[in-house]
Amino acid sequence: MRKKSMSERKLAIISMSGGLDSATLCAEALYDGFDVFIINFNYAQKNSVEQIAADNLYDYFKNKYISNGQIIGRQKINLLPLMSIFLETWNNMRDSGKIQKESGHQFYMPSRNLLFAVISEVIGEIIALNQEYKKVYIGLGIHKHTEEAYGKERPQYWDITPQFAKKLQELFELNDVKKIRVYTPFVDKTKADVVKRALELNVPYKMAWTCYNPSIKEGVAIPCLECEACKERQLAGEKVGVHDINAYQIILKGGKYD
């Protein structure tokens, strides 16, 4: 493979949650010729299964792309010390239904993608300054709301909308040190489009975790098939002919579930 010139090199910071959207986003960035730096955030998720999925997906991508060096690194960022101050209060409000009443979503987390994007920009700019990348792209695996799964009257998560991506781009353009770009290849696509692209890019979708409320049996996490995330994934899979898209599981490390 021809070595890229300095002017050709471009850096994408991808927050890979362990879910199908971010895994496909990572594959898309690699396909588009980016050097990819992966970040995994621990932000006090409802469950830790997706963190295990993120580890598995990172190993997959690293091994697949090790020959051309497009995966240039990875960093795990633990936000739990920050979030733990409010975690008990937040979980109590979520379990009582107050979060869903206020936001329209049971598993809403305030400004999650905004927080991830800002931290990703900080890390991306540091890497770019050190390794002489002229442009930094912050990857966001956002796509259109699926009404069949969430309901027509239900609001879309505000930080996965095209308006959010546009405003974030405007904010990053204030940076006069490095050119910061928001990378959102699926912003006008549906979940079904994302699944279709995942198949085209050979993303191991059964390694990607989606469910918000899994059950645990003998050290194995199994999707509930009832939460909004499971329903959206199933509908998307069926639209592109992948009817077993929710027939997957994650083996927990040491058989334990946090």
Protein backbone atom coordinates (compact mmCIF):
# COMPACT_ATOMS: atom_id res chain seq x y z
CA MET A 1 0.00 0.00 0.00
CA ARG A 2 1.30 3.44 -0.97
CA LYS A 3 2.20 5.54 2.04
CA LYS A 4 -0.04 8.56 2.42
CA SER A 5 1.53 11.99 2.05
CA MET A 6 1.15 14.49 4.89
CA SER A 7 -1.51 16.38 2.93
CA GLU A 8 -3.54 13.20 2.39
CA ARG A 9 -3.62 12.02 5.99
CA LYS A 10 -6.87 12.63 7.83
CA LEU A 11 -7.78 11.70 11.37
CA ALA A 12 -11.15 10.52 12.65
CA ILE A 13 -11.91 10.21 16.33
CA ILE A 14 -14.59 7.55 16.76
CA SER A 15 -16.45 7.01 20.00
CA MET A 16 -17.27 3.31 19.79
CA SER A 17 -19.91 2.38 22.31
CA GLY A 18 -20.16 -1.29 21.44
CA GLY A 19 -23.36 -0.65 19.51
CA LEU A 20 -24.13 -1.27 15.86
CA ASP A 21 -24.23 2.41 14.85
CA SER A 22 -20.77 3.27 16.16
CA ALA A 23 -19.27 0.01 14.86
CA THR A 24 -20.60 0.79 11.38
CA LEU A 25 -19.35 4.37 11.71
CA CYS A 26 -15.87 3.04 12.49
CA ALA A 27 -15.99 0.74 9.46
CA GLU A 28 -17.18 3.61 7.27
CA ALA A 29 -14.33 5.86 8.43
CA LEU A 30 -11.80 3.12 7.68
CA TYR A 31 -13.40 2.58 4.27
CA ASP A 32 -13.15 6.33 3.61
CA GLY A 33 -9.41 6.22 4.25
CA PHE A 34 -9.23 7.83 7.67
CA ASP A 35 -6.65 7.06 10.29
CA VAL A 36 -8.93 6.13 13.18
CA PHE A 37 -8.43 6.67 16.87
CA ILE A 38 -11.08 4.89 18.96
CA ILE A 39 -12.43 6.12 22.28
CA ASN A 40 -14.51 4.02 24.65
CA PHE A 41 -16.43 5.93 27.30
CA ASN A 42 -17.57 4.52 30.62
CA TYR A 43 -20.26 6.98 31.63
CA ALA A 44 -22.23 4.92 34.16
CA GLN A 45 -24.32 3.08 31.60
CA LYS A 46 -27.34 1.12 32.74
CA ASN A 47 -25.33 -2.02 32.04
CA SER A 48 -21.72 -2.91 31.29
CA VAL A 49 -22.46 -5.37 28.49
CA GLU A 50 -21.81 -2.76 25.81
CA GLN A 51 -18.36 -2.13 27.26
CA ILE A 52 -17.52 -5.79 26.69
CA ALA A 53 -18.93 -5.51 23.18
CA ALA A 54 -16.74 -2.43 22.59
CA ASP A 55 -13.66 -4.42 23.62
CA ASN A 56 -14.61 -7.24 21.25
CA LEU A 57 -15.25 -4.86 18.36
CA TYR A 58 -11.98 -3.04 18.93
CA ASP A 59 -10.10 -6.35 18.75
CA TYR A 60 -11.95 -7.17 15.53
CA PHE A 61 -11.13 -3.88 13.82
CA LYS A 62 -7.55 -3.81 15.05
CA ASN A 63 -6.86 -7.30 13.73
CA LYS A 64 -8.64 -6.63 10.43
CA TYR A 65 -6.85 -3.38 9.70
CA ILE A 66 -3.47 -4.04 11.29
CA SER A 67 -1.81 -4.47 7.88
CA ASN A 68 -2.42 -0.90 6.73
CA GLY A 69 -2.21 0.81 10.10
CA GLN A 70 -5.49 2.69 9.86
CA ILE A 71 -6.32 2.01 13.52
CA ILE A 72 -3.74 4.24 15.15
CA GLY A 73 -4.78 3.87 18.77
CA ARG A 74 -7.44 3.59 21.42
CA GLN A 75 -8.23 5.19 24.75
CA LYS A 76 -10.71 4.16 27.44
CA ILE A 77 -12.10 7.13 29.33
CA ASN A 78 -13.75 6.55 32.69
CA LEU A 79 -16.36 9.20 33.47
CA LEU A 80 -17.74 7.15 36.35
CA PRO A 81 -16.09 9.26 39.10
CA LEU A 82 -17.90 12.29 37.69
CA MET A 83 -21.22 10.56 37.06
CA SER A 84 -21.26 8.62 40.33
CA ILE A 85 -22.03 11.82 42.24
CA PHE A 86 -25.49 11.84 40.67
CA LEU A 87 -25.85 8.19 39.64
CA GLU A 88 -28.06 7.01 42.49
CA THR A 89 -30.42 9.97 42.08
CA TRP A 90 -30.54 9.49 38.32
CA ASN A 91 -31.23 5.76 38.54
CA ASN A 92 -34.01 6.36 41.08
CA MET A 93 -35.64 8.91 38.77
CA ARG A 94 -35.32 6.53 35.84
CA ASP A 95 -36.77 3.59 37.75
CA SER A 96 -39.67 5.73 38.97
CA GLY A 97 -40.54 6.76 35.41
CA LYS A 98 -39.75 10.44 35.93
CA ILE A 99 -37.01 10.50 33.26
CA GLN A 100 -39.33 9.00 30.68
CA LYS A 101 -42.11 11.44 31.60
CA GLU A 102 -39.82 14.45 31.23
CA SER A 103 -37.82 13.38 28.16
CA GLY A 104 -40.01 10.82 26.42
CA HIS A 105 -37.26 8.20 26.73
CA GLN A 106 -36.60 5.78 29.57
CA PHE A 107 -32.86 5.63 28.98
CA TYR A 108 -32.19 9.30 28.23
CA MET A 109 -28.83 10.67 29.42
CA PRO A 110 -28.35 14.47 29.39
CA SER A 111 -26.00 15.81 26.70
CA ARG A 112 -24.29 12.47 26.24
CA ASN A 113 -23.22 12.97 22.63
CA LEU A 114 -22.26 16.58 23.28
CA LEU A 115 -19.98 15.49 26.12
CA PHE A 116 -18.45 12.71 24.01
CA ALA A 117 -17.93 15.05 21.05
CA VAL A 118 -16.16 17.72 23.09
CA ILE A 119 -13.83 15.21 24.77
CA SER A 120 -13.17 13.60 21.38
CA GLU A 121 -12.28 17.02 19.94
CA VAL A 122 -9.78 17.66 22.73
CA ILE A 123 -8.07 14.31 22.16
CA GLY A 124 -8.22 14.68 18.39
CA GLU A 125 -6.60 18.09 18.42
CA ILE A 126 -3.79 16.90 20.68
CA ILE A 127 -3.10 13.93 18.37
CA ALA A 128 -3.29 16.16 15.29
CA LEU A 129 -0.82 18.67 16.71
CA ASN A 130 1.58 15.93 17.71
CA GLN A 131 1.36 13.89 14.50
CA GLU A 132 0.80 16.78 12.07
CA TYR A 133 -2.68 16.00 10.81
CA LYS A 134 -4.14 19.09 9.20
CA LYS A 135 -7.78 18.08 9.72
CA VAL A 136 -9.56 16.32 12.55
CA TYR A 137 -12.96 14.67 12.13
CA ILE A 138 -15.21 13.87 15.09
CA GLY A 139 -17.37 10.87 14.25
CA LEU A 140 -20.99 10.70 15.34
CA GLY A 141 -23.07 7.62 14.49
CA ILE A 142 -26.36 9.49 14.35
CA HIS A 143 -29.26 8.61 12.08
CA LYS A 144 -32.96 9.32 11.57
CA HIS A 145 -35.52 8.46 14.22
CA THR A 146 -37.42 5.18 13.61
CA GLU A 147 -41.08 6.01 14.24
CA GLU A 148 -42.21 2.37 14.21
CA ALA A 149 -39.98 1.64 17.19
CA TYR A 150 -40.28 4.86 19.15
CA GLY A 151 -43.75 6.08 18.15
CA LYS A 152 -44.73 9.06 16.01
CA GLU A 153 -45.41 11.28 18.99
CA ARG A 154 -42.17 10.52 20.76
CA PRO A 155 -39.43 13.14 20.46
CA GLN A 156 -36.10 12.18 18.94
CA TYR A 157 -33.07 12.32 21.20
CA TRP A 158 -31.96 15.92 20.66
CA ASP A 159 -28.26 15.09 20.37
CA ILE A 160 -28.66 12.70 17.43
CA THR A 161 -30.45 15.15 15.13
CA PRO A 162 -29.12 16.89 11.99
CA GLN A 163 -29.63 20.20 13.82
CA PHE A 164 -27.32 19.04 16.60
CA ALA A 165 -24.62 18.02 14.11
CA LYS A 166 -24.92 21.35 12.30
CA LYS A 167 -24.63 23.41 15.49
CA LEU A 168 -21.70 21.31 16.67
CA GLN A 169 -19.94 21.96 13.37
CA GLU A 170 -20.52 25.68 13.77
CA LEU A 171 -19.02 25.55 17.24
CA PHE A 172 -15.94 23.64 16.09
CA GLU A 173 -15.37 26.14 13.26
CA LEU A 174 -14.46 28.71 15.91
CA ASN A 175 -11.26 26.74 16.47
CA ASP A 176 -8.44 28.64 14.75
CA VAL A 177 -5.69 26.10 15.48
CA LYS A 178 -6.91 22.98 13.67
CA LYS A 179 -9.70 22.38 11.19
CA ILE A 180 -12.32 20.38 13.07
CA ARG A 181 -15.05 18.64 11.10
CA VAL A 182 -18.08 16.65 12.23
CA TYR A 183 -18.20 13.28 10.47
CA THR A 184 -21.81 12.07 10.22
CA PRO A 185 -22.19 9.83 7.15
CA PHE A 186 -25.56 8.47 8.34
CA VAL A 187 -27.18 11.70 9.50
CA ASP A 188 -29.83 11.54 6.74
CA LYS A 189 -30.11 7.74 6.82
CA THR A 190 -32.44 5.39 8.66
CA LYS A 191 -31.48 2.56 10.99
CA ALA A 192 -32.23 0.17 8.12
CA ASP A 193 -29.72 2.06 5.97
CA VAL A 194 -27.13 1.68 8.73
CA VAL A 195 -27.73 -2.08 8.92
CA LYS A 196 -27.49 -2.35 5.14
CA ARG A 197 -24.18 -0.49 5.19
CA ALA A 198 -22.95 -2.69 8.03
CA LEU A 199 -23.57 -5.73 5.86
CA GLU A 200 -21.77 -4.12 2.90
CA LEU A 201 -18.75 -3.34 5.09
CA ASN A 202 -18.76 -6.79 6.74
CA VAL A 203 -19.34 -5.35 10.21
CA PRO A 204 -19.84 -8.26 12.64
CA TYR A 205 -23.27 -7.03 13.72
CA LYS A 206 -23.80 -9.91 16.14
CA MET A 207 -20.82 -8.67 18.12
CA ALA A 208 -22.50 -5.26 18.52
CA TRP A 209 -24.71 -4.75 21.57
CA THR A 210 -27.97 -2.78 21.35
CA CYS A 211 -30.34 -3.76 24.18
CA TYR A 212 -31.00 -1.40 27.11
CA ASN A 213 -32.37 -4.05 29.46
CA PRO A 214 -30.70 -7.45 28.99
CA SER A 215 -31.32 -10.63 30.90
CA ILE A 216 -28.43 -12.71 32.21
CA LYS A 217 -28.33 -16.51 32.04
CA GLU A 218 -25.27 -18.49 33.12
CA GLY A 219 -22.84 -15.67 32.46
CA VAL A 220 -24.33 -14.71 29.10
CA ALA A 221 -26.18 -11.46 28.32
CA ILE A 222 -29.24 -11.83 26.11
CA PRO A 223 -31.21 -8.93 24.56
CA CYS A 224 -34.69 -8.37 25.99
CA LEU A 225 -36.30 -7.84 22.56
CA GLU A 226 -38.80 -5.43 24.17
CA CYS A 227 -36.95 -2.13 24.70
CA GLU A 228 -37.08 0.59 22.06
CA ALA A 229 -33.50 -0.13 20.97
CA CYS A 230 -34.22 -3.83 20.40
CA LYS A 231 -37.40 -3.03 18.48
CA GLU A 232 -35.61 -0.52 16.25
CA ARG A 233 -32.82 -3.01 15.52
CA GLN A 234 -35.32 -5.76 14.67
CA LEU A 235 -37.35 -3.52 12.36
CA ALA A 236 -34.20 -2.32 10.61
CA GLY A 237 -32.93 -5.86 10.15
CA GLU A 238 -36.22 -7.08 8.71
CA LYS A 239 -36.29 -4.20 6.21
CA VAL A 240 -32.99 -5.37 4.73
CA GLY A 241 -33.67 -9.10 5.04
CA VAL A 242 -31.71 -9.84 8.24
CA HIS A 243 -34.45 -11.45 10.31
CA ASP A 244 -32.13 -12.89 12.95
CA ILE A 245 -30.42 -9.59 13.74
CA ASN A 246 -31.48 -9.85 17.41
CA ALA A 247 -30.40 -13.48 17.75
CA TYR A 248 -27.12 -12.65 19.44
CA GLN A 249 -25.53 -12.69 22.87
CA ILE A 250 -22.47 -11.45 24.76
CA ILE A 251 -20.41 -13.67 27.03
CA LEU A 252 -19.66 -11.76 30.21
CA LYS A 253 -16.11 -11.63 31.45
CA GLY A 254 -15.73 -14.05 34.33
CA GLY A 255 -19.43 -14.78 34.07
CA LYS A 256 -20.18 -11.57 35.95
CA TYR A 257 -22.52 -8.72 35.15
CA ASP A 258 -22.13 -5.23 36.62
